[in-house]
Amino acid sequence: MILIPCYVINLLRRKDRLKKITNHLNSLNISFNRFNAIDGQSVSKEILLKNMDVSGPLGELSDGDRACFQSHYRLWNLLSTRENRPVMVLEDDVILSKNAPNILKNLDWIPKDSQIIKLDRFGNNKHKILISKKFYTLNKDYKIHYLLSKHGGTGGYIITPKGIKTLLEMNTQVNVSVDHYLFNPNNSKIFHLLKPFQMVPSICEQQDNISDIQNSRLILRKNSLSYYIREIIRGYYEIRLLPFQILKYFSKKAKLIKPSFF
């Protein structure tokens, strides 16, 4: 039995996903609380736009982007009143490693000053991320390092009371999707405050490669002018921290890795 509370974000209309992840987590002897996700197809624009800009450095935000962020944000609000310890947050299309229960049954490895720990990997096998050489050891197979570059996805993460406080007290308009907000230093307004960790190797990965959010972004590309403007802005944000990241790498304070799942 794991010690950490687990919350799964799930759309009410996606009972198929709920059934699948319930069976999966039951097989690992992991109990969880279901949290009702905000549905971008049915809620008002007022709800979707709360504390969010219409567009940002990655272009216009889709209703899917906004609904996903609002779902996580509402969960953080709930956790701020319900939990006073680290919590594991999962999206409903993930799978966990068979090793996850052993890691999660003991929380002594979580650094006292930590705020958020990314548990999942995202991207294809060629994707690389920059992490600190400084690390904390979980056991002989797993470590956590500071994340120093973009690593998309919010399939699974551990958030602490300190991290929730940081997120809820951030008085700013959000202009990127939730995964970029949490795990992309290039365009996040809060990354430098959260100082997220990355678990290496990951114990979580998402199964669905194509989402409603991705589909909505493909539609924007039909307009060539909008596409090129967006890509120029995106390109700037992708490289604006490159000098800092190169310095970290060549000063041997950081290293590049391919995220793996084990």
Protein backbone atom coordinates (compact mmCIF):
# COMPACT_ATOMS: atom_id res chain seq x y z
CA MET A 1 0.00 0.00 0.00
CA ILE A 2 1.38 3.41 -0.97
CA LEU A 3 1.53 6.22 1.58
CA ILE A 4 0.99 9.12 -0.78
CA PRO A 5 -2.57 10.25 -1.63
CA CYS A 6 -3.36 9.85 -5.33
CA TYR A 7 -5.78 11.93 -7.41
CA VAL A 8 -6.77 11.09 -10.99
CA ILE A 9 -8.13 13.86 -13.25
CA ASN A 10 -10.88 12.44 -15.45
CA LEU A 11 -13.61 13.84 -17.69
CA LEU A 12 -17.10 12.70 -16.75
CA ARG A 13 -17.76 11.58 -20.33
CA ARG A 14 -14.59 9.47 -20.46
CA LYS A 15 -15.83 6.52 -18.46
CA ASP A 16 -13.71 4.28 -20.67
CA ARG A 17 -10.53 5.93 -19.42
CA LEU A 18 -11.73 5.80 -15.83
CA LYS A 19 -12.38 2.07 -16.11
CA LYS A 20 -8.98 1.47 -17.69
CA ILE A 21 -6.96 3.41 -15.13
CA THR A 22 -9.01 1.96 -12.26
CA ASN A 23 -8.08 -1.55 -13.36
CA HIS A 24 -4.46 -0.52 -13.84
CA LEU A 25 -4.08 1.13 -10.43
CA ASN A 26 -5.95 -1.71 -8.72
CA SER A 27 -3.43 -4.14 -10.20
CA LEU A 28 -0.69 -2.12 -8.46
CA ASN A 29 -2.69 -1.92 -5.21
CA ILE A 30 -2.90 1.88 -5.54
CA SER A 31 -6.09 3.53 -4.32
CA PHE A 32 -7.07 6.92 -5.71
CA ASN A 33 -9.56 9.76 -5.62
CA ARG A 34 -11.25 10.72 -8.87
CA PHE A 35 -11.27 14.46 -9.64
CA ASN A 36 -13.79 15.74 -12.16
CA ALA A 37 -12.01 17.48 -15.05
CA ILE A 38 -13.40 20.61 -16.68
CA ASP A 39 -14.77 19.80 -20.13
CA GLY A 40 -13.70 22.33 -22.75
CA GLN A 41 -16.59 21.24 -24.95
CA SER A 42 -19.34 22.12 -22.51
CA VAL A 43 -18.30 24.87 -20.05
CA SER A 44 -18.59 28.61 -20.58
CA LYS A 45 -15.82 30.80 -21.97
CA GLU A 46 -15.89 32.72 -18.70
CA ILE A 47 -14.74 29.63 -16.81
CA LEU A 48 -12.13 28.75 -19.42
CA LEU A 49 -10.66 32.26 -19.51
CA LYS A 50 -10.43 32.76 -15.75
CA ASN A 51 -6.87 33.92 -14.93
CA MET A 52 -5.80 33.09 -18.51
CA ASP A 53 -4.79 35.14 -21.55
CA VAL A 54 -6.23 34.38 -24.97
CA SER A 55 -2.78 33.67 -26.40
CA GLY A 56 0.86 33.49 -25.40
CA PRO A 57 4.36 32.68 -26.66
CA LEU A 58 3.14 29.41 -28.19
CA GLY A 59 0.18 31.01 -29.95
CA GLU A 60 -3.53 31.06 -29.22
CA LEU A 61 -4.65 28.72 -26.47
CA SER A 62 -7.31 26.20 -27.44
CA ASP A 63 -10.33 25.41 -25.30
CA GLY A 64 -8.61 22.10 -24.57
CA ASP A 65 -5.51 23.91 -23.28
CA ARG A 66 -7.62 26.12 -21.06
CA ALA A 67 -9.81 23.31 -19.74
CA CYS A 68 -6.76 21.21 -18.90
CA PHE A 69 -5.15 24.08 -17.00
CA GLN A 70 -8.37 24.92 -15.14
CA SER A 71 -8.76 21.25 -14.15
CA HIS A 72 -5.30 21.13 -12.59
CA TYR A 73 -5.80 24.56 -10.98
CA ARG A 74 -9.08 23.52 -9.38
CA LEU A 75 -7.43 20.40 -8.05
CA TRP A 76 -4.61 22.47 -6.51
CA ASN A 77 -7.26 24.58 -4.78
CA LEU A 78 -8.93 21.48 -3.39
CA LEU A 79 -5.63 20.02 -2.19
CA SER A 80 -4.75 23.25 -0.40
CA THR A 81 -7.66 22.65 1.98
CA ARG A 82 -7.77 18.85 2.06
CA GLU A 83 -4.15 17.67 2.17
CA ASN A 84 -1.14 18.79 4.22
CA ARG A 85 1.36 16.36 2.69
CA PRO A 86 2.73 15.52 -0.77
CA VAL A 87 0.13 14.29 -3.27
CA MET A 88 0.45 12.36 -6.53
CA VAL A 89 -1.58 13.78 -9.43
CA LEU A 90 -2.27 11.61 -12.48
CA GLU A 91 -4.10 12.17 -15.74
CA ASP A 92 -6.39 9.35 -16.78
CA ASP A 93 -4.40 8.07 -19.77
CA VAL A 94 -1.21 7.10 -17.93
CA ILE A 95 0.44 3.86 -16.98
CA LEU A 96 2.67 3.47 -13.95
CA SER A 97 5.74 1.31 -13.66
CA LYS A 98 5.47 -1.93 -11.73
CA ASN A 99 8.14 -0.39 -9.50
CA ALA A 100 5.96 2.59 -8.58
CA PRO A 101 4.36 1.05 -5.46
CA ASN A 102 7.75 0.34 -3.89
CA ILE A 103 8.88 3.91 -4.51
CA LEU A 104 5.65 5.49 -3.28
CA LYS A 105 5.28 3.45 -0.11
CA ASN A 106 8.09 5.48 1.49
CA LEU A 107 8.17 9.26 1.11
CA ASP A 108 11.39 9.92 3.00
CA TRP A 109 13.19 10.51 -0.31
CA ILE A 110 11.17 13.65 -1.09
CA PRO A 111 13.39 16.69 -0.31
CA LYS A 112 11.90 18.87 2.42
CA ASP A 113 12.08 22.04 0.31
CA SER A 114 10.76 20.43 -2.88
CA GLN A 115 7.63 21.77 -4.57
CA ILE A 116 6.92 19.57 -7.58
CA ILE A 117 8.44 16.35 -8.93
CA LYS A 118 7.71 15.30 -12.50
CA LEU A 119 7.16 11.54 -12.62
CA ASP A 120 6.42 11.04 -16.32
CA ARG A 121 8.34 11.11 -19.54
CA PHE A 122 7.09 12.80 -22.70
CA GLY A 123 8.14 12.79 -26.34
CA ASN A 124 9.71 10.28 -28.67
CA ASN A 125 12.89 8.26 -28.19
CA LYS A 126 15.02 11.04 -29.72
CA HIS A 127 13.82 13.68 -27.26
CA LYS A 128 16.42 14.89 -24.75
CA ILE A 129 16.14 17.01 -21.62
CA LEU A 130 18.68 18.93 -19.56
CA ILE A 131 18.90 18.02 -15.89
CA SER A 132 21.21 18.98 -13.05
CA LYS A 133 24.11 16.72 -12.16
CA LYS A 134 23.11 17.30 -8.56
CA PHE A 135 20.61 14.65 -7.51
CA TYR A 136 18.81 12.98 -4.63
CA THR A 137 18.81 9.20 -4.41
CA LEU A 138 15.61 7.19 -3.99
CA ASN A 139 17.21 3.75 -4.30
CA LYS A 140 19.82 2.03 -6.46
CA ASP A 141 17.71 2.50 -9.61
CA TYR A 142 15.98 5.86 -9.17
CA LYS A 143 17.08 9.45 -8.59
CA ILE A 144 15.56 12.92 -8.86
CA HIS A 145 17.38 15.79 -10.57
CA TYR A 146 16.48 19.43 -11.07
CA LEU A 147 14.82 19.91 -14.45
CA LEU A 148 16.62 22.60 -16.46
CA SER A 149 14.88 22.46 -19.84
CA LYS A 150 11.46 21.91 -21.36
CA HIS A 151 9.84 18.53 -20.72
CA GLY A 152 6.19 18.47 -21.79
CA GLY A 153 3.28 16.58 -20.33
CA THR A 154 1.47 16.53 -17.00
CA GLY A 155 0.65 12.84 -16.97
CA GLY A 156 2.01 12.36 -13.47
CA TYR A 157 3.64 14.51 -10.82
CA ILE A 158 4.01 14.83 -7.07
CA ILE A 159 3.12 18.21 -5.62
CA THR A 160 3.87 19.31 -2.07
CA PRO A 161 2.00 21.83 0.11
CA LYS A 162 4.79 24.32 -0.58
CA GLY A 163 4.35 23.85 -4.33
CA ILE A 164 0.58 24.29 -4.09
CA LYS A 165 1.07 27.51 -2.12
CA THR A 166 3.47 28.84 -4.77
CA LEU A 167 1.02 28.04 -7.58
CA LEU A 168 -2.03 29.52 -5.88
CA GLU A 169 -0.26 32.69 -4.75
CA MET A 170 1.14 33.46 -8.21
CA ASN A 171 -0.76 36.61 -9.20
CA THR A 172 -0.41 36.50 -12.97
CA GLN A 173 -2.32 35.71 -16.13
CA VAL A 174 -1.40 32.30 -17.53
CA ASN A 175 -0.60 32.31 -21.25
CA VAL A 176 0.62 28.75 -21.92
CA SER A 177 -0.75 25.25 -21.43
CA VAL A 178 -0.38 23.66 -18.01
CA ASP A 179 2.58 21.42 -18.93
CA HIS A 180 4.57 24.40 -20.22
CA TYR A 181 3.55 26.42 -17.16
CA LEU A 182 4.94 23.77 -14.81
CA PHE A 183 7.81 22.24 -16.80
CA ASN A 184 9.13 24.69 -19.40
CA PRO A 185 11.58 27.36 -18.21
CA ASN A 186 11.59 28.96 -21.69
CA ASN A 187 8.11 30.44 -21.38
CA SER A 188 6.80 29.76 -17.86
CA LYS A 189 6.28 32.63 -15.44
CA ILE A 190 6.58 30.33 -12.43
CA PHE A 191 9.20 27.70 -13.33
CA HIS A 192 11.98 29.59 -11.55
CA LEU A 193 9.92 29.63 -8.35
CA LEU A 194 8.81 26.00 -8.49
CA LYS A 195 12.29 24.62 -9.29
CA PRO A 196 10.79 21.31 -10.47
CA PHE A 197 12.52 17.97 -10.11
CA GLN A 198 12.53 15.18 -12.69
CA MET A 199 12.46 11.53 -11.65
CA VAL A 200 15.07 9.46 -13.51
CA PRO A 201 14.04 7.05 -14.86
CA SER A 202 10.36 7.96 -15.02
CA ILE A 203 7.75 5.77 -13.37
CA CYS A 204 4.87 7.12 -15.44
CA GLU A 205 4.06 7.68 -19.10
CA GLN A 206 1.01 8.65 -21.12
CA GLN A 207 -0.51 6.19 -23.56
CA ASP A 208 -2.42 8.55 -25.88
CA ASN A 209 -0.16 10.25 -28.41
CA ILE A 210 -2.86 12.37 -30.09
CA SER A 211 -5.02 14.63 -27.96
CA ASP A 212 -7.80 17.13 -28.58
CA ILE A 213 -5.27 19.85 -27.79
CA GLN A 214 -2.90 18.69 -30.52
CA ASN A 215 -5.71 18.50 -33.05
CA SER A 216 -6.79 22.07 -32.31
CA ARG A 217 -3.23 23.30 -32.87
CA LEU A 218 -3.05 21.59 -36.26
CA ILE A 219 -6.05 23.63 -37.44
CA LEU A 220 -4.10 26.85 -36.87
CA ARG A 221 -1.50 25.76 -39.41
CA LYS A 222 -3.98 26.10 -42.30
CA ASN A 223 -3.48 29.84 -42.04
CA SER A 224 0.10 30.31 -43.25
CA LEU A 225 0.53 33.86 -41.93
CA SER A 226 -0.66 32.89 -38.44
CA TYR A 227 1.53 29.82 -38.58
CA TYR A 228 4.73 31.70 -39.45
CA ILE A 229 4.12 34.45 -36.89
CA ARG A 230 3.50 31.85 -34.23
CA GLU A 231 6.59 29.86 -35.17
CA ILE A 232 8.84 32.95 -35.05
CA ILE A 233 7.60 33.81 -31.55
CA ARG A 234 7.84 30.19 -30.47
CA GLY A 235 11.37 29.97 -31.85
CA TYR A 236 12.49 32.96 -29.81
CA TYR A 237 11.17 31.44 -26.59
CA GLU A 238 12.73 28.08 -27.41
CA ILE A 239 16.24 29.55 -27.59
CA ARG A 240 16.14 32.49 -25.19
CA LEU A 241 17.61 30.44 -22.31
CA LEU A 242 20.05 28.56 -24.52
CA PRO A 243 23.17 30.53 -23.39
CA PHE A 244 22.36 29.75 -19.75
CA GLN A 245 21.73 26.09 -20.54
CA ILE A 246 24.94 25.78 -22.56
CA LEU A 247 26.89 27.34 -19.69
CA LYS A 248 25.37 24.85 -17.25
CA TYR A 249 26.27 21.97 -19.56
CA PHE A 250 29.88 22.95 -20.27
CA SER A 251 30.55 23.89 -16.65
CA LYS A 252 29.58 20.28 -15.87
CA LYS A 253 26.66 21.31 -13.68
CA ALA A 254 24.13 19.73 -16.02
CA LYS A 255 23.77 16.86 -18.46
CA LEU A 256 21.54 15.81 -21.35
CA ILE A 257 19.54 12.60 -21.07
CA LYS A 258 16.88 10.75 -23.01
CA PRO A 259 13.95 10.30 -20.60
CA SER A 260 13.29 6.62 -19.99
CA PHE A 261 10.50 4.64 -18.38
CA PHE A 262 11.25 1.82 -15.94
